[in-house]
PDB file of N, CA and C in Angstrom:
ATOM      1  N   MET A   1     -40.745-138.386 -24.607  1.00  0.00           N
ATOM      2  CA  MET A   1     -40.165-137.131 -25.080  1.00  0.00           C
ATOM      3  C   MET A   1     -41.011-136.584 -26.226  1.00  0.00           C
ATOM      4  N   THR A   2     -41.377-135.343 -26.091  1.00  0.00           N
ATOM      5  CA  THR A   2     -42.164-134.704 -27.131  1.00  0.00           C
ATOM      6  C   THR A   2     -41.224-134.069 -28.155  1.00  0.00           C
ATOM      7  N   PRO A   3     -41.729-133.802 -29.353  1.00  0.00           N
ATOM      8  CA  PRO A   3     -40.893-133.131 -30.353  1.00  0.00           C
ATOM      9  C   PRO A   3     -40.404-131.753 -29.887  1.00  0.00           C
ATOM     10  N   LEU A   4     -41.180-131.086 -29.072  1.00  0.00           N
ATOM     11  CA  LEU A   4     -40.771-129.773 -28.555  1.00  0.00           C
ATOM     12  C   LEU A   4     -39.538-129.895 -27.660  1.00  0.00           C
ATOM     13  N   VAL A   5     -39.506-130.922 -26.830  1.00  0.00           N
ATOM     14  CA  VAL A   5     -38.357-131.142 -25.951  1.00  0.00           C
ATOM     15  C   VAL A   5     -37.119-131.496 -26.774  1.00  0.00           C
ATOM     16  N   VAL A   6     -37.296-132.336 -27.786  1.00  0.00           N
ATOM     17  CA  VAL A   6     -36.176-132.717 -28.659  1.00  0.00           C
ATOM     18  C   VAL A   6     -35.634-131.486 -29.388  1.00  0.00           C
ATOM     19  N   ALA A   7     -36.532-130.653 -29.922  1.00  0.00           N
ATOM     20  CA  ALA A   7     -36.100-129.454 -30.647  1.00  0.00           C
ATOM     21  C   ALA A   7     -35.384-128.482 -29.718  1.00  0.00           C
ATOM     22  N   ASN A   8     -35.904-128.305 -28.522  1.00  0.00           N
ATOM     23  CA  ASN A   8     -35.284-127.394 -27.570  1.00  0.00           C
ATOM     24  C   ASN A   8     -33.910-127.902 -27.142  1.00  0.00           C
ATOM     25  N   THR A   9     -33.787-129.204 -26.909  1.00  0.00           N
ATOM     26  CA  THR A   9     -32.502-129.792 -26.539  1.00  0.00           C
ATOM     27  C   THR A   9     -31.498-129.646 -27.675  1.00  0.00           C
ATOM     28  N   ALA A  10     -31.927-129.921 -28.904  1.00  0.00           N
ATOM     29  CA  ALA A  10     -31.036-129.775 -30.058  1.00  0.00           C
ATOM     30  C   ALA A  10     -30.592-128.329 -30.227  1.00  0.00           C
ATOM     31  N   ALA A  11     -31.497-127.391 -29.997  1.00  0.00           N
ATOM     32  CA  ALA A  11     -31.147-125.974 -30.117  1.00  0.00           C
ATOM     33  C   ALA A  11     -30.101-125.583 -29.077  1.00  0.00           C
ATOM     34  N   TRP A  12     -30.231-126.065 -27.857  1.00  0.00           N
ATOM     35  CA  TRP A  12     -29.242-125.725 -26.824  1.00  0.00           C
ATOM     36  C   TRP A  12     -27.898-126.389 -27.083  1.00  0.00           C
ATOM     37  N   ILE A  13     -27.910-127.603 -27.615  1.00  0.00           N
ATOM     38  CA  ILE A  13     -26.653-128.274 -27.970  1.00  0.00           C
ATOM     39  C   ILE A  13     -25.949-127.507 -29.083  1.00  0.00           C
ATOM     40  N   ALA A  14     -26.701-127.121 -30.118  1.00  0.00           N
ATOM     41  CA  ALA A  14     -26.114-126.356 -31.224  1.00  0.00           C
ATOM     42  C   ALA A  14     -25.594-124.999 -30.742  1.00  0.00           C
ATOM     43  N   THR A  15     -26.326-124.361 -29.839  1.00  0.00           N
ATOM     44  CA  THR A  15     -25.867-123.080 -29.287  1.00  0.00           C
ATOM     45  C   THR A  15     -24.574-123.257 -28.510  1.00  0.00           C
ATOM     46  N   SER A  16     -24.490-124.298 -27.714  1.00  0.00           N
ATOM     47  CA  SER A  16     -23.278-124.540 -26.930  1.00  0.00           C
ATOM     48  C   SER A  16     -22.071-124.799 -27.822  1.00  0.00           C
ATOM     49  N   ILE A  17     -22.257-125.617 -28.848  1.00  0.00           N
ATOM     50  CA  ILE A  17     -21.151-125.897 -29.773  1.00  0.00           C
ATOM     51  C   ILE A  17     -20.757-124.631 -30.521  1.00  0.00           C
ATOM     52  N   GLY A  18     -21.744-123.864 -30.983  1.00  0.00           N
ATOM     53  CA  GLY A  18     -21.467-122.623 -31.706  1.00  0.00           C
ATOM     54  C   GLY A  18     -20.732-121.603 -30.851  1.00  0.00           C
ATOM     55  N   LEU A  19     -21.161-121.436 -29.603  1.00  0.00           N
ATOM     56  CA  LEU A  19     -20.467-120.506 -28.706  1.00  0.00           C
ATOM     57  C   LEU A  19     -19.057-120.994 -28.396  1.00  0.00           C
ATOM     58  N   GLY A  20     -18.900-122.312 -28.269  1.00  0.00           N
ATOM     59  CA  GLY A  20     -17.566-122.866 -28.069  1.00  0.00           C
ATOM     60  C   GLY A  20     -16.644-122.579 -29.244  1.00  0.00           C
ATOM     61  N   MET A  21     -17.186-122.675 -30.457  1.00  0.00           N
ATOM     62  CA  MET A  21     -16.384-122.365 -31.650  1.00  0.00           C
ATOM     63  C   MET A  21     -16.008-120.888 -31.681  1.00  0.00           C
ATOM     64  N   TRP A  22     -16.952-120.025 -31.324  1.00  0.00           N
ATOM     65  CA  TRP A  22     -16.649-118.586 -31.263  1.00  0.00           C
ATOM     66  C   TRP A  22     -15.544-118.311 -30.257  1.00  0.00           C
ATOM     67  N   LEU A  23     -15.688-118.867 -29.056  1.00  0.00           N
ATOM     68  CA  LEU A  23     -14.683-118.640 -28.025  1.00  0.00           C
ATOM     69  C   LEU A  23     -13.315-119.165 -28.460  1.00  0.00           C
ATOM     70  N   TRP A  24     -13.286-120.341 -29.064  1.00  0.00           N
ATOM     71  CA  TRP A  24     -12.019-120.897 -29.534  1.00  0.00           C
ATOM     72  C   TRP A  24     -11.394-119.984 -30.587  1.00  0.00           C
ATOM     73  N   SER A  25     -12.221-119.463 -31.494  1.00  0.00           N
ATOM     74  CA  SER A  25     -11.668-118.602 -32.553  1.00  0.00           C
ATOM     75  C   SER A  25     -11.150-117.288 -31.971  1.00  0.00           C
ATOM     76  N   TRP A  26     -11.796-116.754 -30.957  1.00  0.00           N
ATOM     77  CA  TRP A  26     -11.368-115.475 -30.377  1.00  0.00           C
ATOM     78  C   TRP A  26     -10.150-115.625 -29.463  1.00  0.00           C
ATOM     79  N   LEU A  27     -10.104-116.724 -28.689  1.00  0.00           N
ATOM     80  CA  LEU A  27      -9.100-116.832 -27.643  1.00  0.00           C
ATOM     81  C   LEU A  27      -7.900-117.708 -27.992  1.00  0.00           C
ATOM     82  N   ARG A  28      -8.070-118.709 -28.846  1.00  0.00           N
ATOM     83  CA  ARG A  28      -7.012-119.683 -29.048  1.00  0.00           C
ATOM     84  C   ARG A  28      -6.416-119.708 -30.450  1.00  0.00           C
ATOM     85  N   GLU A  29      -7.230-119.461 -31.444  1.00  0.00           N
ATOM     86  CA  GLU A  29      -6.775-119.641 -32.825  1.00  0.00           C
ATOM     87  C   GLU A  29      -5.908-118.475 -33.271  1.00  0.00           C
ATOM     88  N   LYS A  30      -4.776-118.789 -33.879  1.00  0.00           N
ATOM     89  CA  LYS A  30      -3.846-117.754 -34.345  1.00  0.00           C
ATOM     90  C   LYS A  30      -3.935-117.538 -35.859  1.00  0.00           C
ATOM     91  N   ASP A  31      -4.247-118.596 -36.612  1.00  0.00           N
ATOM     92  CA  ASP A  31      -4.345-118.498 -38.070  1.00  0.00           C
ATOM     93  C   ASP A  31      -5.609-117.721 -38.449  1.00  0.00           C
ATOM     94  N   ALA A  32      -5.456-116.683 -39.261  1.00  0.00           N
ATOM     95  CA  ALA A  32      -6.575-115.788 -39.578  1.00  0.00           C
ATOM     96  C   ALA A  32      -7.693-116.503 -40.337  1.00  0.00           C
ATOM     97  N   VAL A  33      -7.339-117.346 -41.298  1.00  0.00           N
ATOM     98  CA  VAL A  33      -8.367-118.035 -42.083  1.00  0.00           C
ATOM     99  C   VAL A  33      -9.108-119.041 -41.213  1.00  0.00           C
ATOM    100  N   ARG A  34      -8.383-119.792 -40.426  1.00  0.00           N
ATOM    101  CA  ARG A  34      -9.027-120.769 -39.537  1.00  0.00           C
ATOM    102  C   ARG A  34      -9.884-120.057 -38.497  1.00  0.00           C
ATOM    103  N   LYS A  35      -9.434-118.896 -38.029  1.00  0.00           N
ATOM    104  CA  LYS A  35     -10.209-118.105 -37.071  1.00  0.00           C
ATOM    105  C   LYS A  35     -11.533-117.665 -37.692  1.00  0.00           C
ATOM    106  N   GLN A  36     -11.487-117.196 -38.933  1.00  0.00           N
ATOM    107  CA  GLN A  36     -12.709-116.776 -39.627  1.00  0.00           C
ATOM    108  C   GLN A  36     -13.646-117.952 -39.858  1.00  0.00           C
ATOM    109  N   ARG A  37     -13.092-119.094 -40.232  1.00  0.00           N
ATOM    110  CA  ARG A  37     -13.911-120.278 -40.479  1.00  0.00           C
ATOM    111  C   ARG A  37     -14.590-120.764 -39.201  1.00  0.00           C
ATOM    112  N   LEU A  38     -13.853-120.781 -38.086  1.00  0.00           N
ATOM    113  CA  LEU A  38     -14.466-121.175 -36.817  1.00  0.00           C
ATOM    114  C   LEU A  38     -15.573-120.207 -36.412  1.00  0.00           C
ATOM    115  N   SER A  39     -15.332-118.932 -36.604  1.00  0.00           N
ATOM    116  CA  SER A  39     -16.336-117.928 -36.281  1.00  0.00           C
ATOM    117  C   SER A  39     -17.586-118.095 -37.146  1.00  0.00           C
ATOM    118  N   ASP A  40     -17.385-118.356 -38.434  1.00  0.00           N
ATOM    119  CA  ASP A  40     -18.528-118.545 -39.335  1.00  0.00           C
ATOM    120  C   ASP A  40     -19.310-119.807 -38.996  1.00  0.00           C
ATOM    121  N   CYS A  41     -18.614-120.893 -38.688  1.00  0.00           N
ATOM    122  CA  CYS A  41     -19.306-122.126 -38.304  1.00  0.00           C
ATOM    123  C   CYS A  41     -20.112-121.912 -37.024  1.00  0.00           C
ATOM    124  N   GLY A  42     -19.518-121.217 -36.062  1.00  0.00           N
ATOM    125  CA  GLY A  42     -20.238-120.917 -34.831  1.00  0.00           C
ATOM    126  C   GLY A  42     -21.462-120.057 -35.083  1.00  0.00           C
ATOM    127  N   LEU A  43     -21.326-119.088 -35.974  1.00  0.00           N
ATOM    128  CA  LEU A  43     -22.456-118.224 -36.317  1.00  0.00           C
ATOM    129  C   LEU A  43     -23.592-119.029 -36.939  1.00  0.00           C
ATOM    130  N   VAL A  44     -23.264-119.934 -37.850  1.00  0.00           N
ATOM    131  CA  VAL A  44     -24.301-120.754 -38.488  1.00  0.00           C
ATOM    132  C   VAL A  44     -25.022-121.602 -37.445  1.00  0.00           C
ATOM    133  N   LEU A  45     -24.277-122.203 -36.526  1.00  0.00           N
ATOM    134  CA  LEU A  45     -24.911-123.035 -35.503  1.00  0.00           C
ATOM    135  C   LEU A  45     -25.796-122.216 -34.568  1.00  0.00           C
ATOM    136  N   VAL A  46     -25.314-121.081 -34.117  1.00  0.00           N
ATOM    137  CA  VAL A  46     -26.098-120.260 -33.186  1.00  0.00           C
ATOM    138  C   VAL A  46     -27.337-119.681 -33.878  1.00  0.00           C
ATOM    139  N   ALA A  47     -27.184-119.164 -35.091  1.00  0.00           N
ATOM    140  CA  ALA A  47     -28.338-118.593 -35.801  1.00  0.00           C
ATOM    141  C   ALA A  47     -29.361-119.679 -36.139  1.00  0.00           C
ATOM    142  N   GLY A  48     -28.876-120.860 -36.515  1.00  0.00           N
ATOM    143  CA  GLY A  48     -29.794-121.969 -36.776  1.00  0.00           C
ATOM    144  C   GLY A  48     -30.544-122.390 -35.522  1.00  0.00           C
ATOM    145  N   ALA A  49     -29.854-122.387 -34.390  1.00  0.00           N
ATOM    146  CA  ALA A  49     -30.502-122.728 -33.126  1.00  0.00           C
ATOM    147  C   ALA A  49     -31.549-121.685 -32.742  1.00  0.00           C
ATOM    148  N   ILE A  50     -31.253-120.433 -33.004  1.00  0.00           N
ATOM    149  CA  ILE A  50     -32.238-119.376 -32.722  1.00  0.00           C
ATOM    150  C   ILE A  50     -33.482-119.578 -33.581  1.00  0.00           C
ATOM    151  N   LEU A  51     -33.275-119.881 -34.864  1.00  0.00           N
ATOM    152  CA  LEU A  51     -34.432-120.138 -35.732  1.00  0.00           C
ATOM    153  C   LEU A  51     -35.221-121.355 -35.259  1.00  0.00           C
ATOM    154  N   LEU A  52     -34.523-122.389 -34.814  1.00  0.00           N
ATOM    155  CA  LEU A  52     -35.212-123.578 -34.308  1.00  0.00           C
ATOM    156  C   LEU A  52     -36.036-123.239 -33.071  1.00  0.00           C
ATOM    157  N   ARG A  53     -35.489-122.427 -32.180  1.00  0.00           N
ATOM    158  CA  ARG A  53     -36.251-122.021 -30.994  1.00  0.00           C
ATOM    159  C   ARG A  53     -37.478-121.204 -31.369  1.00  0.00           C
ATOM    160  N   ILE A  54     -37.340-120.345 -32.379  1.00  0.00           N
ATOM    161  CA  ILE A  54     -38.492-119.530 -32.809  1.00  0.00           C
ATOM    162  C   ILE A  54     -39.590-120.420 -33.373  1.00  0.00           C
ATOM    163  N   VAL A  55     -39.200-121.404 -34.177  1.00  0.00           N
ATOM    164  CA  VAL A  55     -40.189-122.298 -34.781  1.00  0.00           C
ATOM    165  C   VAL A  55     -40.845-123.181 -33.723  1.00  0.00           C
ATOM    166  N   ALA A  56     -40.080-123.609 -32.726  1.00  0.00           N
ATOM    167  CA  ALA A  56     -40.588-124.562 -31.738  1.00  0.00           C
ATOM    168  C   ALA A  56     -41.301-123.919 -30.558  1.00  0.00           C
ATOM    169  N   GLN A  57     -41.299-122.607 -30.471  1.00  0.00           N
ATOM    170  CA  GLN A  57     -41.928-121.980 -29.297  1.00  0.00           C
ATOM    171  C   GLN A  57     -43.448-122.109 -29.362  1.00  0.00           C
ATOM    172  N   GLU A  58     -44.057-122.069 -28.203  1.00  0.00           N
ATOM    173  CA  GLU A  58     -45.502-122.246 -28.114  1.00  0.00           C
ATOM    174  C   GLU A  58     -46.271-120.940 -28.008  1.00  0.00           C
ATOM    175  N   ARG A  59     -45.566-119.831 -27.887  1.00  0.00           N
ATOM    176  CA  ARG A  59     -46.244-118.540 -27.784  1.00  0.00           C
ATOM    177  C   ARG A  59     -46.224-117.838 -29.139  1.00  0.00           C
ATOM    178  N   ALA A  60     -46.979-116.779 -29.240  1.00  0.00           N
ATOM    179  CA  ALA A  60     -47.008-115.999 -30.479  1.00  0.00           C
ATOM    180  C   ALA A  60     -45.682-115.253 -30.650  1.00  0.00           C
ATOM    181  N   MET A  61     -45.312-115.026 -31.898  1.00  0.00           N
ATOM    182  CA  MET A  61     -44.046-114.340 -32.178  1.00  0.00           C
ATOM    183  C   MET A  61     -44.169-112.854 -31.860  1.00  0.00           C
ATOM    184  N   ASN A  62     -43.112-112.299 -31.231  1.00  0.00           N
ATOM    185  CA  ASN A  62     -43.087-110.869 -30.965  1.00  0.00           C
ATOM    186  C   ASN A  62     -42.160-110.193 -31.982  1.00  0.00           C
ATOM    187  N   VAL A  63     -41.902-108.919 -31.795  1.00  0.00           N
ATOM    188  CA  VAL A  63     -41.113-108.145 -32.754  1.00  0.00           C
ATOM    189  C   VAL A  63     -39.684-108.684 -32.869  1.00  0.00           C
ATOM    190  N   ILE A  64     -39.092-109.042 -31.741  1.00  0.00           N
ATOM    191  CA  ILE A  64     -37.718-109.561 -31.766  1.00  0.00           C
ATOM    192  C   ILE A  64     -37.668-110.895 -32.507  1.00  0.00           C
ATOM    193  N   ASP A  65     -38.673-111.741 -32.304  1.00  0.00           N
ATOM    194  CA  ASP A  65     -38.724-113.015 -33.028  1.00  0.00           C
ATOM    195  C   ASP A  65     -38.810-112.785 -34.533  1.00  0.00           C
ATOM    196  N   TRP A  66     -39.634-111.847 -34.944  1.00  0.00           N
ATOM    197  CA  TRP A  66     -39.764-111.561 -36.377  1.00  0.00           C
ATOM    198  C   TRP A  66     -38.464-111.011 -36.940  1.00  0.00           C
ATOM    199  N   ALA A  67     -37.807-110.136 -36.186  1.00  0.00           N
ATOM    200  CA  ALA A  67     -36.526-109.585 -36.654  1.00  0.00           C
ATOM    201  C   ALA A  67     -35.489-110.696 -36.802  1.00  0.00           C
ATOM    202  N   MET A  68     -35.420-111.586 -35.817  1.00  0.00           N
ATOM    203  CA  MET A  68     -34.465-112.701 -35.904  1.00  0.00           C
ATOM    204  C   MET A  68     -34.826-113.648 -37.045  1.00  0.00           C
ATOM    205  N   ALA A  69     -36.113-113.849 -37.286  1.00  0.00           N
ATOM    206  CA  ALA A  69     -36.532-114.735 -38.371  1.00  0.00           C
ATOM    207  C   ALA A  69     -36.121-114.189 -39.737  1.00  0.00           C
ATOM    208  N   PHE A  70     -36.039-112.868 -39.869  1.00  0.00           N
ATOM    209  CA  PHE A  70     -35.605-112.276 -41.135  1.00  0.00           C
ATOM    210  C   PHE A  70     -34.087-112.100 -41.215  1.00  0.00           C
ATOM    211  N   LEU A  71     -33.438-111.776 -40.088  1.00  0.00           N
ATOM    212  CA  LEU A  71     -32.001-111.497 -40.115  1.00  0.00           C
ATOM    213  C   LEU A  71     -31.136-112.755 -40.045  1.00  0.00           C
ATOM    214  N   ALA A  72     -31.548-113.756 -39.288  1.00  0.00           N
ATOM    215  CA  ALA A  72     -30.726-114.956 -39.119  1.00  0.00           C
ATOM    216  C   ALA A  72     -30.401-115.646 -40.446  1.00  0.00           C
ATOM    217  N   PRO A  73     -31.368-115.824 -41.358  1.00  0.00           N
ATOM    218  CA  PRO A  73     -31.000-116.446 -42.637  1.00  0.00           C
ATOM    219  C   PRO A  73     -29.994-115.617 -43.442  1.00  0.00           C
ATOM    220  N   LEU A  74     -30.035-114.300 -43.315  1.00  0.00           N
ATOM    221  CA  LEU A  74     -29.052-113.466 -44.014  1.00  0.00           C
ATOM    222  C   LEU A  74     -27.650-113.694 -43.456  1.00  0.00           C
ATOM    223  N   PHE A  75     -27.538-113.764 -42.128  1.00  0.00           N
ATOM    224  CA  PHE A  75     -26.244-114.026 -41.512  1.00  0.00           C
ATOM    225  C   PHE A  75     -25.755-115.429 -41.834  1.00  0.00           C
ATOM    226  N   ILE A  76     -26.671-116.401 -41.853  1.00  0.00           N
ATOM    227  CA  ILE A  76     -26.290-117.768 -42.206  1.00  0.00           C
ATOM    228  C   ILE A  76     -25.778-117.813 -43.639  1.00  0.00           C
ATOM    229  N   ALA A  77     -26.475-117.159 -44.550  1.00  0.00           N
ATOM    230  CA  ALA A  77     -26.041-117.152 -45.956  1.00  0.00           C
ATOM    231  C   ALA A  77     -24.680-116.487 -46.117  1.00  0.00           C
ATOM    232  N   ALA A  78     -24.457-115.377 -45.422  1.00  0.00           N
ATOM    233  CA  ALA A  78     -23.165-114.690 -45.511  1.00  0.00           C
ATOM    234  C   ALA A  78     -22.046-115.565 -44.957  1.00  0.00           C
ATOM    235  N   ALA A  79     -22.301-116.242 -43.844  1.00  0.00           N
ATOM    236  CA  ALA A  79     -21.272-117.105 -43.256  1.00  0.00           C
ATOM    237  C   ALA A  79     -20.981-118.291 -44.160  1.00  0.00           C
ATOM    238  N   LEU A  80     -22.009-118.887 -44.743  1.00  0.00           N
ATOM    239  CA  LEU A  80     -21.783-120.013 -45.651  1.00  0.00           C
ATOM    240  C   LEU A  80     -21.051-119.569 -46.913  1.00  0.00           C
ATOM    241  N   TRP A  81     -21.328-118.366 -47.389  1.00  0.00           N
ATOM    242  CA  TRP A  81     -20.609-117.838 -48.547  1.00  0.00           C
ATOM    243  C   TRP A  81     -19.128-117.659 -48.210  1.00  0.00           C
ATOM    244  N   ARG A  82     -18.842-117.087 -47.027  1.00  0.00           N
ATOM    245  CA  ARG A  82     -17.442-116.921 -46.614  1.00  0.00           C
ATOM    246  C   ARG A  82     -16.757-118.265 -46.426  1.00  0.00           C
ATOM    247  N   LEU A  83     -17.482-119.248 -45.886  1.00  0.00           N
ATOM    248  CA  LEU A  83     -16.893-120.575 -45.739  1.00  0.00           C
ATOM    249  C   LEU A  83     -16.545-121.164 -47.102  1.00  0.00           C
ATOM    250  N   GLY A  84     -17.402-120.941 -48.078  1.00  0.00           N
ATOM    251  CA  GLY A  84     -17.112-121.418 -49.434  1.00  0.00           C
ATOM    252  C   GLY A  84     -15.931-120.706 -50.058  1.00  0.00           C
ATOM    253  N   ARG A  85     -15.738-119.442 -49.737  1.00  0.00           N
ATOM    254  CA  ARG A  85     -14.630-118.663 -50.303  1.00  0.00           C
ATOM    255  C   ARG A  85     -13.293-118.975 -49.653  1.00  0.00           C
ATOM    256  N   THR A  86     -13.310-119.526 -48.438  1.00  0.00           N
ATOM    257  CA  THR A  86     -12.059-119.779 -47.736  1.00  0.00           C
ATOM    258  C   THR A  86     -11.650-121.250 -47.750  1.00  0.00           C
ATOM    259  N   THR A  87     -12.255-122.052 -48.609  1.00  0.00           N
ATOM    260  CA  THR A  87     -11.837-123.458 -48.702  1.00  0.00           C
ATOM    261  C   THR A  87     -10.496-123.556 -49.372  1.00  0.00           C
ATOM    262  N   ALA A  88      -9.834-124.661 -49.157  1.00  0.00           N
ATOM    263  CA  ALA A  88      -8.542-124.893 -49.784  1.00  0.00           C
ATOM    264  C   ALA A  88      -8.744-125.058 -51.287  1.00  0.00           C
ATOM    265  N   PRO A  89      -7.848-124.509 -52.107  1.00  0.00           N
ATOM    266  CA  PRO A  89      -7.990-124.658 -53.558  1.00  0.00           C
ATOM    267  C   PRO A  89      -7.819-126.128 -53.974  1.00  0.00           C
ATOM    268  N   LYS A  90      -8.554-126.529 -54.982  1.00  0.00           N
ATOM    269  CA  LYS A  90      -8.483-127.886 -55.482  1.00  0.00           C
ATOM    270  C   LYS A  90      -7.536-127.949 -56.673  1.00  0.00           C
ATOM    271  N   GLY A  91      -6.720-128.963 -56.698  1.00  0.00           N
ATOM    272  CA  GLY A  91      -5.808-129.133 -57.819  1.00  0.00           C
ATOM    273  C   GLY A  91      -4.533-128.353 -57.647  1.00  0.00           C
ATOM    274  N   PRO A  92      -3.647-128.470 -58.635  1.00  0.00           N
ATOM    275  CA  PRO A  92      -2.362-127.771 -58.541  1.00  0.00           C
ATOM    276  C   PRO A  92      -2.546-126.271 -58.728  1.00  0.00           C
ATOM    277  N   PRO A  93      -1.690-125.469 -58.096  1.00  0.00           N
ATOM    278  CA  PRO A  93      -1.785-124.020 -58.270  1.00  0.00           C
ATOM    279  C   PRO A  93      -1.483-123.617 -59.693  1.00  0.00           C
ATOM    280  N   VAL A  94      -2.176-122.612 -60.154  1.00  0.00           N
ATOM    281  CA  VAL A  94      -1.995-122.158 -61.541  1.00  0.00           C
ATOM    282  C   VAL A  94      -1.038-120.985 -61.582  1.00  0.00           C
TER     283      VAL A  94
END
């Protein structure tokens, strides 16, 4: 197994899990906060997998690859920020 095959397999696994989280949040989850958290986790996995595919590809990057390379980290950062904002409060309520 080459590193390219491992990276491609990991990217597809992360994409599948991320899409599954999105589908679960859209179709099954009723709690608004949990729905947002599942959606954000799915977004992080899918965007990370896209970045992994861009890094692991053997061809030259095209315009769409460059756009994804710049936009995906912004979406990942926004999702991680929202995940941090929606955590359960620590300690007794004030």
